C-alpha atoms as a PDB file:
ATOM      1  CA  MET A   1      27.367  79.824  92.251  1.00  0.00           C
ATOM      2  CA  THR A   2      24.751  80.360  89.529  1.00  0.00           C
ATOM      3  CA  ARG A   3      23.847  77.501  87.367  1.00  0.00           C
ATOM      4  CA  LEU A   4      24.512  78.103  83.933  1.00  0.00           C
ATOM      5  CA  SER A   5      21.762  77.883  80.940  1.00  0.00           C
ATOM      6  CA  VAL A   6      22.690  76.339  77.409  1.00  0.00           C
ATOM      7  CA  LEU A   7      22.367  80.008  76.425  1.00  0.00           C
ATOM      8  CA  ASP A   8      24.773  81.783  79.129  1.00  0.00           C
ATOM      9  CA  ARG A   9      27.590  79.689  77.031  1.00  0.00           C
ATOM     10  CA  PHE A  10      27.137  82.476  74.294  1.00  0.00           C
ATOM     11  CA  ARG A  11      28.936  85.668  75.401  1.00  0.00           C
ATOM     12  CA  PRO A  12      29.233  88.984  73.323  1.00  0.00           C
ATOM     13  CA  VAL A  13      32.446  89.279  71.792  1.00  0.00           C
ATOM     14  CA  GLY A  14      33.865  92.921  71.380  1.00  0.00           C
ATOM     15  CA  ALA A  15      32.786  96.039  71.321  1.00  0.00           C
ATOM     16  CA  PRO A  16      30.780  97.900  68.511  1.00  0.00           C
ATOM     17  CA  GLY A  17      33.171  98.678  65.736  1.00  0.00           C
ATOM     18  CA  ALA A  18      35.071  95.762  63.035  1.00  0.00           C
ATOM     19  CA  ALA A  19      32.883  92.979  62.171  1.00  0.00           C
ATOM     20  CA  GLY A  20      33.596  90.184  64.184  1.00  0.00           C
ATOM     21  CA  ARG A  21      32.829  86.642  65.170  1.00  0.00           C
ATOM     22  CA  SER A  22      30.080  86.457  67.559  1.00  0.00           C
ATOM     23  CA  GLY A  23      28.471  83.836  70.105  1.00  0.00           C
ATOM     24  CA  VAL A  24      31.619  82.054  70.515  1.00  0.00           C
ATOM     25  CA  PRO A  25      31.068  79.246  73.153  1.00  0.00           C
ATOM     26  CA  ALA A  26      32.616  80.789  76.400  1.00  0.00           C
ATOM     27  CA  VAL A  27      32.705  76.978  78.079  1.00  0.00           C
ATOM     28  CA  ASP A  28      34.020  74.273  76.044  1.00  0.00           C
ATOM     29  CA  GLY A  29      34.646  71.456  78.935  1.00  0.00           C
ATOM     30  CA  GLN A  30      31.121  70.564  79.607  1.00  0.00           C
ATOM     31  CA  GLY A  31      30.180  69.809  76.216  1.00  0.00           C
ATOM     32  CA  PRO A  32      26.717  68.528  75.560  1.00  0.00           C
ATOM     33  CA  ALA A  33      26.548  65.866  77.815  1.00  0.00           C
ATOM     34  CA  ALA A  34      26.754  68.094  80.486  1.00  0.00           C
ATOM     35  CA  GLU A  35      24.060  70.791  79.343  1.00  0.00           C
ATOM     36  CA  LEU A  36      21.820  67.912  78.155  1.00  0.00           C
ATOM     37  CA  ALA A  37      21.756  66.464  81.351  1.00  0.00           C
ATOM     38  CA  PRO A  38      19.088  68.222  83.186  1.00  0.00           C
ATOM     39  CA  VAL A  39      16.739  68.102  80.259  1.00  0.00           C
ATOM     40  CA  PHE A  40      17.024  64.079  80.203  1.00  0.00           C
ATOM     41  CA  ALA A  41      16.519  63.971  83.820  1.00  0.00           C
ATOM     42  CA  ALA A  42      13.592  66.110  83.275  1.00  0.00           C
ATOM     43  CA  LEU A  43      12.220  63.771  80.683  1.00  0.00           C
ATOM     44  CA  ALA A  44      13.227  60.512  82.797  1.00  0.00           C
ATOM     45  CA  SER A  45       9.769  60.558  84.550  1.00  0.00           C
ATOM     46  CA  GLU A  46       8.411  60.634  80.619  1.00  0.00           C
ATOM     47  CA  VAL A  47      10.247  58.248  79.713  1.00  0.00           C
ATOM     48  CA  GLN A  48       9.581  55.785  82.213  1.00  0.00           C
ATOM     49  CA  ALA A  49       5.819  56.664  81.277  1.00  0.00           C
ATOM     50  CA  CYS A  50       6.355  56.041  78.020  1.00  0.00           C
ATOM     51  CA  GLU A  51       7.961  52.347  78.875  1.00  0.00           C
ATOM     52  CA  GLU A  52       4.735  51.593  80.917  1.00  0.00           C
ATOM     53  CA  LEU A  53       2.764  52.438  77.988  1.00  0.00           C
ATOM     54  CA  VAL A  54       4.514  50.458  75.108  1.00  0.00           C
ATOM     55  CA  GLU A  55       4.893  47.547  77.795  1.00  0.00           C
ATOM     56  CA  ALA A  56       0.886  47.644  78.016  1.00  0.00           C
ATOM     57  CA  ALA A  57       0.316  47.863  74.644  1.00  0.00           C
ATOM     58  CA  ARG A  58       2.402  44.930  74.181  1.00  0.00           C
ATOM     59  CA  ARG A  59       0.332  42.796  77.009  1.00  0.00           C
ATOM     60  CA  GLN A  60      -2.760  43.883  75.301  1.00  0.00           C
ATOM     61  CA  VAL A  61      -1.437  42.816  71.685  1.00  0.00           C
ATOM     62  CA  GLY A  62      -0.655  39.688  73.233  1.00  0.00           C
ATOM     63  CA  HIS A  63      -3.827  39.237  75.025  1.00  0.00           C
ATOM     64  CA  ASP A  64      -5.969  40.598  71.773  1.00  0.00           C
ATOM     65  CA  LEU A  65      -3.630  37.612  69.440  1.00  0.00           C
ATOM     66  CA  ALA A  66      -4.485  34.951  71.688  1.00  0.00           C
ATOM     67  CA  ALA A  67      -8.246  35.744  71.777  1.00  0.00           C
ATOM     68  CA  ALA A  68      -7.786  36.113  67.982  1.00  0.00           C
ATOM     69  CA  ARG A  69      -6.468  33.043  67.663  1.00  0.00           C
ATOM     70  CA  THR A  70      -9.133  31.593  69.569  1.00  0.00           C
ATOM     71  CA  GLN A  71     -12.166  33.621  67.662  1.00  0.00           C
ATOM     72  CA  ALA A  72     -10.167  31.862  64.303  1.00  0.00           C
ATOM     73  CA  ALA A  73     -10.218  28.387  65.337  1.00  0.00           C
ATOM     74  CA  ALA A  74     -13.601  28.553  66.522  1.00  0.00           C
ATOM     75  CA  ILE A  75     -14.656  29.687  63.332  1.00  0.00           C
ATOM     76  CA  VAL A  76     -12.707  27.173  61.573  1.00  0.00           C
ATOM     77  CA  SER A  77     -14.271  24.714  63.288  1.00  0.00           C
ATOM     78  CA  GLN A  78     -17.767  26.268  62.824  1.00  0.00           C
ATOM     79  CA  ALA A  79     -16.780  26.151  59.041  1.00  0.00           C
ATOM     80  CA  ARG A  80     -15.948  22.420  58.934  1.00  0.00           C
ATOM     81  CA  LEU A  81     -19.404  21.217  60.580  1.00  0.00           C
ATOM     82  CA  ASP A  82     -20.887  23.903  58.105  1.00  0.00           C
ATOM     83  CA  ALA A  83     -19.034  22.526  54.909  1.00  0.00           C
ATOM     84  CA  GLY A  84     -20.390  18.582  56.234  1.00  0.00           C
ATOM     85  CA  ALA A  85     -23.883  19.968  56.641  1.00  0.00           C
ATOM     86  CA  ALA A  86     -23.798  21.905  52.866  1.00  0.00           C
ATOM     87  CA  ARG A  87     -22.405  18.372  51.386  1.00  0.00           C
ATOM     88  CA  ALA A  88     -25.221  16.765  52.757  1.00  0.00           C
ATOM     89  CA  VAL A  89     -27.536  19.168  51.662  1.00  0.00           C
ATOM     90  CA  ALA A  90     -25.658  18.954  47.975  1.00  0.00           C
ATOM     91  CA  ALA A  91     -25.660  15.223  48.119  1.00  0.00           C
ATOM     92  CA  ALA A  92     -29.298  15.547  48.909  1.00  0.00           C
ATOM     93  CA  GLY A  93     -30.131  18.033  46.042  1.00  0.00           C
ATOM     94  CA  VAL A  94     -27.892  15.856  43.475  1.00  0.00           C
ATOM     95  CA  GLU A  95     -29.927  12.327  44.455  1.00  0.00           C
ATOM     96  CA  GLN A  96     -33.207  14.648  44.152  1.00  0.00           C
ATOM     97  CA  GLU A  97     -32.247  15.822  40.498  1.00  0.00           C
ATOM     98  CA  SER A  98     -31.083  12.266  39.701  1.00  0.00           C
ATOM     99  CA  GLY A  99     -34.373  10.827  40.872  1.00  0.00           C
ATOM    100  CA  ASP A 100     -36.330  13.634  38.904  1.00  0.00           C
ATOM    101  CA  ARG A 101     -34.449  12.816  35.791  1.00  0.00           C
ATOM    102  CA  GLU A 102     -34.856   8.888  35.799  1.00  0.00           C
ATOM    103  CA  ALA A 103     -38.971   9.690  36.665  1.00  0.00           C
ATOM    104  CA  LEU A 104     -38.809  11.914  33.315  1.00  0.00           C
ATOM    105  CA  MET A 105     -36.920   8.961  31.724  1.00  0.00           C
ATOM    106  CA  MET A 106     -39.180   6.160  32.837  1.00  0.00           C
ATOM    107  CA  GLU A 107     -42.486   7.851  31.938  1.00  0.00           C
ATOM    108  CA  HIS A 108     -40.979   8.697  28.511  1.00  0.00           C
ATOM    109  CA  ALA A 109     -39.922   5.318  27.967  1.00  0.00           C
ATOM    110  CA  ARG A 110     -43.487   4.036  29.415  1.00  0.00           C
ATOM    111  CA  ARG A 111     -44.848   6.604  26.518  1.00  0.00           C
ATOM    112  CA  GLU A 112     -42.710   5.206  23.840  1.00  0.00           C
ATOM    113  CA  ALA A 113     -43.768   1.480  24.938  1.00  0.00           C
ATOM    114  CA  ALA A 114     -47.548   2.370  24.740  1.00  0.00           C
ATOM    115  CA  ALA A 115     -46.867   3.915  21.349  1.00  0.00           C
ATOM    116  CA  VAL A 116     -45.421   0.852  19.917  1.00  0.00           C
ATOM    117  CA  GLU A 117     -47.833  -1.133  21.528  1.00  0.00           C
ATOM    118  CA  GLU A 118     -50.628   0.617  19.990  1.00  0.00           C
ATOM    119  CA  SER A 119     -49.192   1.031  16.774  1.00  0.00           C
ATOM    120  CA  GLY A 120     -48.568  -3.328  17.059  1.00  0.00           C
ATOM    121  CA  MET A 121     -52.368  -3.397  18.153  1.00  0.00           C
ATOM    122  CA  ALA A 122     -53.301  -1.318  14.957  1.00  0.00           C
ATOM    123  CA  ARG A 123     -51.109  -3.361  12.728  1.00  0.00           C
ATOM    124  CA  ILE A 124     -52.630  -6.943  14.443  1.00  0.00           C
ATOM    125  CA  PRO A 125     -55.259  -6.910  12.159  1.00  0.00           C
ATOM    126  CA  ASP A 126     -53.936  -6.201   8.698  1.00  0.00           C
ATOM    127  CA  VAL A 127     -50.717  -8.769   9.469  1.00  0.00           C
ATOM    128  CA  VAL A 128     -53.381 -11.469  10.178  1.00  0.00           C
ATOM    129  CA  GLY A 129     -55.245 -11.106   7.059  1.00  0.00           C
ATOM    130  CA  ARG A 130     -52.246 -11.204   4.857  1.00  0.00           C
ATOM    131  CA  VAL A 131     -51.158 -14.400   7.021  1.00  0.00           C
ATOM    132  CA  ILE A 132     -54.885 -15.837   6.136  1.00  0.00           C
ATOM    133  CA  ASP A 133     -54.500 -15.111   2.847  1.00  0.00           C
ATOM    134  CA  ALA A 134     -51.206 -16.561   2.374  1.00  0.00           C
ATOM    135  CA  LEU A 135     -52.645 -19.748   3.929  1.00  0.00           C
ATOM    136  CA  LEU A 136     -55.841 -19.660   1.679  1.00  0.00           C
ATOM    137  CA  ALA A 137     -53.961 -18.576  -1.190  1.00  0.00           C
ATOM    138  CA  PRO A 138     -53.485 -21.512  -3.991  1.00  0.00           C
ATOM    139  CA  ASP A 139     -50.183 -23.065  -3.672  1.00  0.00           C
ATOM    140  CA  ILE A 140     -47.857 -22.142  -6.540  1.00  0.00           C
ATOM    141  CA  ALA A 141     -46.756 -25.408  -6.721  1.00  0.00           C
ATOM    142  CA  GLY A 142     -50.453 -26.276  -7.772  1.00  0.00           C
ATOM    143  CA  THR A 143     -51.187 -27.977  -4.277  1.00  0.00           C
ATOM    144  CA  LYS A 144     -54.459 -26.831  -2.302  1.00  0.00           C
END
C-alpha cells in the first residue's frame, strides 16, 4: 500500500468542460491529525533539542542571577564602607574649615584689640593732661 501524502487528498474532478469545483478532498476520514502526525514525529527531536536549550538557558539565568546578587551585595557592602570613609573625610574637612574660620576670627579680634589699645594709649596723655588741669584749676567754690 502506498502512503498518501498531503497532496494525494486532492484529486482532479471531472473532465474538461463546464466549470466545476476542483481540489475536493478525496479522504475526509483521516483528518488533520493523521496528516500532521508524520510532521510532528519528524520534529520531535527538534522539539526535544529546543526544550533542552530552554532548560539550559534557565539554569544559566539562575546562575547569572545568583552571581549578580552576590556582586550587588558586595557593591552595597563596599559602598557602605566607602560611605563611612567619605563621612570621615567630610567631617575632617568641616573641622579644618571651622578651625581656619576660627583662626581668622581670632586674628581679626587681635587686630581690633591692638587698635583699641593703641587708640587708648594715644589718648592717655590728653586725658592725663585734662585730669591734671582739673586738679590744679581753682575750685569754683573758691578753695584751693
